[in-house]
Amino acid sequence: MRTSIDLPDPLLAKIREQIKRDQTTLRSFVIQALEKAIAEPSPPFKLRDASFGNTEDPPVSSSTINKALADLREPQFNP
């Protein structure tokens, strides 16, 4: 399948340096990077509880904030 992506110029320059050192192709580099990212997913983001003081409003928990952030994220790939 053919697709296009827009990469920042500095990142693409670093990738080109890396593929030259590895004597590989951009296609192989991207495939390997994506396979690694899928095989080793990063842990979910957890916002630490940094609340303090007393307010008249009910406190907002870190779990409420984490849920709101998760709802805003794009759906992740689940095979």
N, C-alpha and C. Protein backbone atom coordinates (compact mmCIF):
# COMPACT_ATOMS: atom_id res chain seq x y z
N MET A 1 0.84 -1.17 0.00
CA MET A 1 0.00 0.00 0.00
C MET A 1 0.89 1.24 0.00
N ARG A 2 0.49 2.23 -0.70
CA ARG A 2 1.26 3.46 -0.82
C ARG A 2 0.56 4.54 0.01
N THR A 3 1.36 5.32 0.74
CA THR A 3 0.81 6.42 1.53
C THR A 3 1.82 7.55 1.60
N SER A 4 1.38 8.71 2.04
CA SER A 4 2.26 9.86 2.19
C SER A 4 2.19 10.38 3.61
N ILE A 5 3.33 10.85 4.11
CA ILE A 5 3.35 11.49 5.42
C ILE A 5 4.19 12.76 5.32
N ASP A 6 3.89 13.72 6.17
CA ASP A 6 4.62 14.98 6.20
C ASP A 6 5.50 14.97 7.45
N LEU A 7 6.82 14.98 7.24
CA LEU A 7 7.77 14.95 8.35
C LEU A 7 8.49 16.29 8.45
N PRO A 8 8.83 16.72 9.67
CA PRO A 8 9.63 17.92 9.82
C PRO A 8 11.00 17.72 9.16
N ASP A 9 11.50 18.76 8.50
CA ASP A 9 12.78 18.67 7.79
C ASP A 9 13.93 18.18 8.67
N PRO A 10 14.07 18.69 9.92
CA PRO A 10 15.18 18.21 10.77
C PRO A 10 15.09 16.70 11.06
N LEU A 11 13.86 16.20 11.26
CA LEU A 11 13.69 14.77 11.51
C LEU A 11 14.05 13.96 10.27
N LEU A 12 13.61 14.40 9.11
CA LEU A 12 13.92 13.68 7.88
C LEU A 12 15.43 13.67 7.63
N ALA A 13 16.11 14.76 7.95
CA ALA A 13 17.57 14.79 7.79
C ALA A 13 18.23 13.74 8.69
N LYS A 14 17.76 13.62 9.94
CA LYS A 14 18.31 12.61 10.85
C LYS A 14 18.03 11.20 10.34
N ILE A 15 16.84 10.99 9.80
CA ILE A 15 16.49 9.67 9.27
C ILE A 15 17.39 9.34 8.09
N ARG A 16 17.61 10.30 7.22
CA ARG A 16 18.47 10.04 6.05
C ARG A 16 19.89 9.72 6.48
N GLU A 17 20.39 10.40 7.51
CA GLU A 17 21.73 10.08 8.04
C GLU A 17 21.76 8.64 8.56
N GLN A 18 20.71 8.27 9.28
CA GLN A 18 20.65 6.93 9.87
C GLN A 18 20.57 5.85 8.79
N ILE A 19 19.75 6.05 7.77
CA ILE A 19 19.62 5.01 6.74
C ILE A 19 20.90 4.91 5.91
N LYS A 20 21.62 6.01 5.80
CA LYS A 20 22.90 5.96 5.10
C LYS A 20 23.91 5.14 5.91
N ARG A 21 23.94 5.37 7.24
CA ARG A 21 24.84 4.60 8.11
C ARG A 21 24.48 3.11 8.10
N ASP A 22 23.17 2.83 8.13
CA ASP A 22 22.70 1.44 8.17
C ASP A 22 22.68 0.78 6.79
N GLN A 23 22.94 1.55 5.76
CA GLN A 23 22.90 1.06 4.39
C GLN A 23 21.57 0.34 4.12
N THR A 24 20.49 1.07 4.37
CA THR A 24 19.16 0.53 4.16
C THR A 24 18.34 1.55 3.36
N THR A 25 17.07 1.30 3.23
CA THR A 25 16.19 2.21 2.50
C THR A 25 15.24 2.90 3.47
N LEU A 26 14.67 4.00 3.02
CA LEU A 26 13.68 4.71 3.84
C LEU A 26 12.49 3.78 4.11
N ARG A 27 12.08 3.04 3.11
CA ARG A 27 10.96 2.11 3.27
C ARG A 27 11.24 1.09 4.37
N SER A 28 12.42 0.47 4.34
CA SER A 28 12.78 -0.53 5.36
C SER A 28 12.87 0.11 6.74
N PHE A 29 13.43 1.31 6.80
CA PHE A 29 13.56 2.00 8.08
C PHE A 29 12.18 2.27 8.70
N VAL A 30 11.25 2.78 7.89
CA VAL A 30 9.92 3.09 8.40
C VAL A 30 9.19 1.82 8.82
N ILE A 31 9.29 0.77 8.03
CA ILE A 31 8.63 -0.49 8.38
C ILE A 31 9.16 -1.01 9.72
N GLN A 32 10.48 -1.03 9.88
CA GLN A 32 11.07 -1.52 11.13
C GLN A 32 10.65 -0.65 12.32
N ALA A 33 10.64 0.66 12.14
CA ALA A 33 10.26 1.56 13.24
C ALA A 33 8.80 1.36 13.64
N LEU A 34 7.92 1.20 12.65
CA LEU A 34 6.50 1.00 12.96
C LEU A 34 6.25 -0.36 13.60
N GLU A 35 6.93 -1.40 13.11
CA GLU A 35 6.78 -2.72 13.73
C GLU A 35 7.25 -2.70 15.18
N LYS A 36 8.35 -2.00 15.45
CA LYS A 36 8.85 -1.89 16.82
C LYS A 36 7.86 -1.12 17.70
N ALA A 37 7.31 -0.04 17.18
CA ALA A 37 6.36 0.77 17.94
C ALA A 37 5.10 -0.03 18.29
N ILE A 38 4.65 -0.87 17.37
CA ILE A 38 3.47 -1.69 17.62
C ILE A 38 3.78 -2.81 18.60
N ALA A 39 4.95 -3.41 18.49
CA ALA A 39 5.33 -4.53 19.37
C ALA A 39 5.60 -4.06 20.80
N GLU A 40 6.07 -2.83 20.96
CA GLU A 40 6.42 -2.30 22.27
C GLU A 40 5.65 -1.00 22.53
N PRO A 41 4.34 -1.10 22.75
CA PRO A 41 3.58 0.13 22.97
C PRO A 41 4.00 0.82 24.27
N SER A 42 3.97 2.12 24.24
CA SER A 42 4.34 2.87 25.44
C SER A 42 3.22 2.80 26.46
N PRO A 43 3.56 2.92 27.74
CA PRO A 43 2.52 2.87 28.77
C PRO A 43 1.59 4.08 28.65
N PRO A 44 0.35 3.95 29.09
CA PRO A 44 -0.57 5.07 29.00
C PRO A 44 -0.09 6.25 29.86
N PHE A 45 -0.39 7.44 29.40
CA PHE A 45 0.00 8.65 30.12
C PHE A 45 -0.80 8.76 31.41
N LYS A 46 -0.11 9.02 32.51
CA LYS A 46 -0.77 9.23 33.79
C LYS A 46 -0.33 10.59 34.33
N LEU A 47 -1.29 11.45 34.57
CA LEU A 47 -1.01 12.76 35.13
C LEU A 47 -0.88 12.64 36.63
N ARG A 48 0.24 13.11 37.16
CA ARG A 48 0.41 13.01 38.61
C ARG A 48 -0.53 13.99 39.30
N ASP A 49 -0.93 13.66 40.51
CA ASP A 49 -1.84 14.51 41.27
C ASP A 49 -1.03 15.64 41.89
N ALA A 50 -1.17 16.85 41.35
CA ALA A 50 -0.43 18.00 41.84
C ALA A 50 -1.37 19.03 42.46
N SER A 51 -2.54 18.59 42.87
CA SER A 51 -3.50 19.52 43.46
C SER A 51 -3.07 19.93 44.87
N PHE A 52 -3.50 21.11 45.28
CA PHE A 52 -3.18 21.60 46.62
C PHE A 52 -4.21 22.63 47.04
N GLY A 53 -4.22 22.89 48.32
CA GLY A 53 -5.08 23.94 48.86
C GLY A 53 -6.55 23.57 48.90
N ASN A 54 -7.31 24.42 49.55
CA ASN A 54 -8.76 24.22 49.65
C ASN A 54 -9.46 25.21 48.74
N THR A 55 -10.41 24.73 48.01
CA THR A 55 -11.23 25.61 47.18
C THR A 55 -12.68 25.30 47.45
N GLU A 56 -13.54 26.18 47.02
CA GLU A 56 -14.97 25.94 47.20
C GLU A 56 -15.50 24.93 46.18
N ASP A 57 -14.80 24.82 45.03
CA ASP A 57 -15.23 23.86 44.02
C ASP A 57 -14.82 22.45 44.45
N PRO A 58 -15.57 21.45 44.01
CA PRO A 58 -15.13 20.08 44.34
C PRO A 58 -13.79 19.78 43.66
N PRO A 59 -12.95 19.00 44.34
CA PRO A 59 -11.63 18.71 43.76
C PRO A 59 -11.74 17.89 42.48
N VAL A 60 -10.79 18.10 41.59
CA VAL A 60 -10.70 17.32 40.35
C VAL A 60 -9.59 16.30 40.54
N SER A 61 -9.92 15.03 40.39
CA SER A 61 -8.93 13.98 40.61
C SER A 61 -8.09 13.77 39.35
N SER A 62 -6.92 13.19 39.55
CA SER A 62 -6.06 12.89 38.40
C SER A 62 -6.73 11.86 37.49
N SER A 63 -7.52 10.96 38.05
CA SER A 63 -8.20 9.97 37.20
C SER A 63 -9.24 10.63 36.30
N THR A 64 -9.91 11.68 36.79
CA THR A 64 -10.87 12.41 35.97
C THR A 64 -10.15 13.11 34.81
N ILE A 65 -9.01 13.71 35.12
CA ILE A 65 -8.23 14.39 34.09
C ILE A 65 -7.70 13.37 33.08
N ASN A 66 -7.18 12.24 33.57
CA ASN A 66 -6.66 11.20 32.67
C ASN A 66 -7.76 10.69 31.74
N LYS A 67 -8.97 10.52 32.26
CA LYS A 67 -10.07 10.06 31.42
C LYS A 67 -10.40 11.09 30.35
N ALA A 68 -10.41 12.37 30.73
CA ALA A 68 -10.71 13.42 29.76
C ALA A 68 -9.64 13.46 28.67
N LEU A 69 -8.38 13.30 29.04
CA LEU A 69 -7.30 13.28 28.06
C LEU A 69 -7.42 12.07 27.14
N ALA A 70 -7.73 10.92 27.70
CA ALA A 70 -7.89 9.71 26.90
C ALA A 70 -9.04 9.85 25.91
N ASP A 71 -10.12 10.51 26.33
CA ASP A 71 -11.26 10.71 25.44
C ASP A 71 -10.92 11.63 24.27
N LEU A 72 -9.94 12.53 24.47
CA LEU A 72 -9.55 13.46 23.41
C LEU A 72 -8.57 12.85 22.41
N ARG A 73 -7.84 11.83 22.83
CA ARG A 73 -6.84 11.21 21.95
C ARG A 73 -7.51 10.47 20.80
N GLU A 74 -6.76 10.31 19.73
CA GLU A 74 -7.23 9.50 18.62
C GLU A 74 -7.27 8.04 19.05
N PRO A 75 -8.18 7.28 18.52
CA PRO A 75 -8.21 5.85 18.90
C PRO A 75 -6.91 5.17 18.48
N GLN A 76 -6.42 4.31 19.36
CA GLN A 76 -5.16 3.61 19.07
C GLN A 76 -5.46 2.34 18.30
N PHE A 77 -4.45 1.89 17.55
CA PHE A 77 -4.55 0.67 16.76
C PHE A 77 -4.62 -0.53 17.68
N ASN A 78 -5.66 -1.33 17.56
CA ASN A 78 -5.79 -2.57 18.32
C ASN A 78 -6.06 -3.69 17.35
N PRO A 79 -5.05 -4.58 17.15
CA PRO A 79 -5.26 -5.67 16.17
C PRO A 79 -6.33 -6.63 16.60
